[in-house]
Every structure is written in C-alpha cells, then in structure tokens.
C-alpha atoms as a PDB file:
ATOM      1  CA  UNK A   1    -214.044  54.365  99.660  1.00  0.00           C
ATOM      2  CA  UNK A   2    -210.744  53.686  98.990  1.00  0.00           C
ATOM      3  CA  UNK A   3    -209.414  54.878  95.359  1.00  0.00           C
ATOM      4  CA  UNK A   4    -205.324  54.023  95.815  1.00  0.00           C
ATOM      5  CA  UNK A   5    -206.631  50.264  95.346  1.00  0.00           C
ATOM      6  CA  UNK A   6    -208.657  50.645  91.903  1.00  0.00           C
ATOM      7  CA  UNK A   7    -206.008  53.163  90.458  1.00  0.00           C
ATOM      8  CA  UNK A   8    -203.138  51.285  88.339  1.00  0.00           C
ATOM      9  CA  UNK A   9    -199.918  51.675  89.650  1.00  0.00           C
ATOM     10  CA  UNK A  10    -197.481  53.663  87.045  1.00  0.00           C
ATOM     11  CA  UNK A  11    -194.279  52.641  89.264  1.00  0.00           C
ATOM     12  CA  UNK A  12    -193.861  49.196  87.202  1.00  0.00           C
ATOM     13  CA  UNK A  13    -194.507  50.952  83.830  1.00  0.00           C
ATOM     14  CA  UNK A  14    -192.222  53.697  84.938  1.00  0.00           C
ATOM     15  CA  UNK A  15    -189.482  51.617  85.797  1.00  0.00           C
ATOM     16  CA  UNK A  16    -189.726  49.477  82.575  1.00  0.00           C
ATOM     17  CA  UNK A  17    -189.452  52.615  80.785  1.00  0.00           C
ATOM     18  CA  UNK A  18    -186.232  53.684  82.515  1.00  0.00           C
ATOM     19  CA  UNK A  19    -184.560  50.364  82.031  1.00  0.00           C
ATOM     20  CA  UNK A  20    -185.449  50.184  78.270  1.00  0.00           C
ATOM     21  CA  UNK A  21    -183.989  53.879  77.843  1.00  0.00           C
ATOM     22  CA  UNK A  22    -181.267  52.756  79.840  1.00  0.00           C
ATOM     23  CA  UNK A  23    -180.553  49.689  77.572  1.00  0.00           C
ATOM     24  CA  UNK A  24    -180.862  51.869  74.354  1.00  0.00           C
ATOM     25  CA  UNK A  25    -178.333  54.497  75.760  1.00  0.00           C
ATOM     26  CA  UNK A  26    -175.696  51.526  76.702  1.00  0.00           C
ATOM     27  CA  UNK A  27    -175.864  50.268  73.214  1.00  0.00           C
ATOM     28  CA  UNK A  28    -175.097  53.361  71.407  1.00  0.00           C
ATOM     29  CA  UNK A  29    -172.413  54.027  73.619  1.00  0.00           C
ATOM     30  CA  UNK A  30    -171.140  50.478  73.093  1.00  0.00           C
ATOM     31  CA  UNK A  31    -171.463  50.839  68.937  1.00  0.00           C
ATOM     32  CA  UNK A  32    -169.706  54.132  69.307  1.00  0.00           C
ATOM     33  CA  UNK A  33    -166.810  52.526  71.323  1.00  0.00           C
ATOM     34  CA  UNK A  34    -166.430  50.011  68.621  1.00  0.00           C
ATOM     35  CA  UNK A  35    -166.721  52.321  65.948  1.00  0.00           C
ATOM     36  CA  UNK A  36    -169.808  50.763  64.606  1.00  0.00           C
ATOM     37  CA  UNK A  37    -172.065  53.822  64.724  1.00  0.00           C
ATOM     38  CA  UNK A  38    -171.073  57.239  63.269  1.00  0.00           C
ATOM     39  CA  UNK A  39    -169.944  60.204  65.738  1.00  0.00           C
ATOM     40  CA  UNK A  40    -171.531  63.630  65.679  1.00  0.00           C
ATOM     41  CA  UNK A  41    -169.799  65.963  63.558  1.00  0.00           C
ATOM     42  CA  UNK A  42    -168.002  62.851  61.433  1.00  0.00           C
ATOM     43  CA  UNK A  43    -168.246  63.439  57.722  1.00  0.00           C
ATOM     44  CA  UNK A  44    -165.665  64.258  54.803  1.00  0.00           C
ATOM     45  CA  UNK A  45    -163.590  66.449  56.944  1.00  0.00           C
ATOM     46  CA  UNK A  46    -160.817  65.103  59.186  1.00  0.00           C
ATOM     47  CA  UNK A  47    -157.726  66.948  61.018  1.00  0.00           C
ATOM     48  CA  UNK A  48    -154.533  65.632  59.943  1.00  0.00           C
ATOM     49  CA  UNK A  49    -152.052  67.630  61.804  1.00  0.00           C
ATOM     50  CA  UNK A  50    -151.680  70.989  63.932  1.00  0.00           C
ATOM     51  CA  UNK A  51    -149.010  73.208  65.435  1.00  0.00           C
ATOM     52  CA  UNK A  52    -149.573  75.469  68.298  1.00  0.00           C
ATOM     53  CA  UNK A  53    -147.852  79.102  67.400  1.00  0.00           C
ATOM     54  CA  UNK A  54    -149.279  80.728  70.368  1.00  0.00           C
ATOM     55  CA  UNK A  55    -151.673  80.708  73.352  1.00  0.00           C
ATOM     56  CA  UNK A  56    -154.502  81.045  70.752  1.00  0.00           C
ATOM     57  CA  UNK A  57    -152.657  80.852  67.350  1.00  0.00           C
ATOM     58  CA  UNK A  58    -152.156  77.513  65.401  1.00  0.00           C
ATOM     59  CA  UNK A  59    -151.914  76.230  62.084  1.00  0.00           C
ATOM     60  CA  UNK A  60    -153.859  73.289  61.073  1.00  0.00           C
ATOM     61  CA  UNK A  61    -153.880  70.862  58.162  1.00  0.00           C
ATOM     62  CA  UNK A  62    -157.463  69.606  57.551  1.00  0.00           C
ATOM     63  CA  UNK A  63    -157.996  66.859  54.971  1.00  0.00           C
ATOM     64  CA  UNK A  64    -161.121  67.917  52.880  1.00  0.00           C
ATOM     65  CA  UNK A  65    -162.196  65.146  50.364  1.00  0.00           C
ATOM     66  CA  UNK A  66    -158.928  64.495  48.388  1.00  0.00           C
ATOM     67  CA  UNK A  67    -157.336  67.805  49.566  1.00  0.00           C
ATOM     68  CA  UNK A  68    -155.513  68.632  52.431  1.00  0.00           C
ATOM     69  CA  UNK A  69    -155.917  72.504  53.416  1.00  0.00           C
ATOM     70  CA  UNK A  70    -153.669  74.584  55.631  1.00  0.00           C
ATOM     71  CA  UNK A  71    -155.504  76.746  57.723  1.00  0.00           C
ATOM     72  CA  UNK A  72    -154.208  79.472  60.383  1.00  0.00           C
ATOM     73  CA  UNK A  73    -156.417  79.638  63.428  1.00  0.00           C
ATOM     74  CA  UNK A  74    -156.299  82.530  65.634  1.00  0.00           C
ATOM     75  CA  UNK A  75    -158.306  84.861  67.670  1.00  0.00           C
ATOM     76  CA  UNK A  76    -159.458  86.908  64.801  1.00  0.00           C
ATOM     77  CA  UNK A  77    -160.758  84.129  62.502  1.00  0.00           C
ATOM     78  CA  UNK A  78    -159.553  81.244  60.531  1.00  0.00           C
ATOM     79  CA  UNK A  79    -157.282  82.086  57.196  1.00  0.00           C
ATOM     80  CA  UNK A  80    -156.468  79.486  54.294  1.00  0.00           C
ATOM     81  CA  UNK A  81    -153.036  79.496  53.996  1.00  0.00           C
ATOM     82  CA  UNK A  82    -153.074  76.989  51.016  1.00  0.00           C
ATOM     83  CA  UNK A  83    -154.053  73.632  49.591  1.00  0.00           C
ATOM     84  CA  UNK A  84    -152.137  70.604  48.409  1.00  0.00           C
ATOM     85  CA  UNK A  85    -153.195  67.050  46.859  1.00  0.00           C
ATOM     86  CA  UNK A  86    -154.088  64.475  49.928  1.00  0.00           C
ATOM     87  CA  UNK A  87    -151.029  62.573  50.931  1.00  0.00           C
ATOM     88  CA  UNK A  88    -148.787  64.878  48.869  1.00  0.00           C
ATOM     89  CA  UNK A  89    -146.850  65.078  52.436  1.00  0.00           C
ATOM     90  CA  UNK A  90    -146.853  62.640  55.165  1.00  0.00           C
ATOM     91  CA  UNK A  91    -149.196  62.979  58.367  1.00  0.00           C
ATOM     92  CA  UNK A  92    -146.702  62.433  60.795  1.00  0.00           C
ATOM     93  CA  UNK A  93    -143.380  64.958  60.643  1.00  0.00           C
ATOM     94  CA  UNK A  94    -141.116  61.840  61.603  1.00  0.00           C
ATOM     95  CA  UNK A  95    -141.657  60.412  58.234  1.00  0.00           C
ATOM     96  CA  UNK A  96    -141.245  63.442  56.237  1.00  0.00           C
ATOM     97  CA  UNK A  97    -140.556  66.916  56.164  1.00  0.00           C
ATOM     98  CA  UNK A  98    -141.071  69.426  59.174  1.00  0.00           C
ATOM     99  CA  UNK A  99    -143.963  70.959  59.385  1.00  0.00           C
ATOM    100  CA  UNK A 100    -142.049  74.585  58.992  1.00  0.00           C
ATOM    101  CA  UNK A 101    -140.787  72.989  55.380  1.00  0.00           C
ATOM    102  CA  UNK A 102    -144.740  72.382  54.513  1.00  0.00           C
ATOM    103  CA  UNK A 103    -145.996  75.208  55.619  1.00  0.00           C
ATOM    104  CA  UNK A 104    -143.504  77.118  53.173  1.00  0.00           C
ATOM    105  CA  UNK A 105    -144.399  74.881  50.029  1.00  0.00           C
ATOM    106  CA  UNK A 106    -147.622  75.085  50.867  1.00  0.00           C
ATOM    107  CA  UNK A 107    -147.417  79.129  50.700  1.00  0.00           C
ATOM    108  CA  UNK A 108    -145.188  78.827  47.541  1.00  0.00           C
ATOM    109  CA  UNK A 109    -141.994  79.139  49.266  1.00  0.00           C
ATOM    110  CA  UNK A 110    -138.582  77.563  48.001  1.00  0.00           C
ATOM    111  CA  UNK A 111    -137.677  75.199  50.682  1.00  0.00           C
END
C-alpha cells in the first residue's frame, strides 16, 4: 500500500505562502521608502540638531510639538538644559547663530 500517493502535497501550499509573505514584505518596504507608511518610532518628536562634545557626551535639540528642548546627553544620563519656542532659532547653523550662542541663550546667558 502506497501512502505517499494518497497524502496531499504541502510543497505547493508552502511555496505559495512564502511568495505571499515575500510580496507583503516587499510592499511594506516599498511604502516606507516612498514615505507613505510611518516608520517605527515616528511621532511628535524629531531631532533638530546635535553637537558632539566628547566621545560619549553631546548636546541635542529635540523638537517636541511646538517647543525645542535642549538636552545634554552623557554616560551618566540625560539632562534638560532649556526650552525655546519652535523656530525661534534656525535649524541649520549656516543660517543663524552658532550652536554655542544658542546654548548660552537657552541656558539664560547674555550672548
């Protein structure tokens, strides 16, 4: 008695499943490349600028809603250095004051 001939073959079904999953993954990748699908972590926060101060220390400006938050990031943690209304300073250093001037103004200095 030959049982192999009476059993259904799972190979075509398994191959079809792999093709459908591959097409789905390709569609998601294509939508993300075109900017039509949100990426993981996309939300109300955006990194505006950053300045490395050392191998593990940096100062970053993060846009949160309508505010820019200046953060100090180091090995010991993250510290809020100040906040400012969004767009009060240009995002690129070529258009406005140097990052140091922005840091001083956010920290309350007179520069």
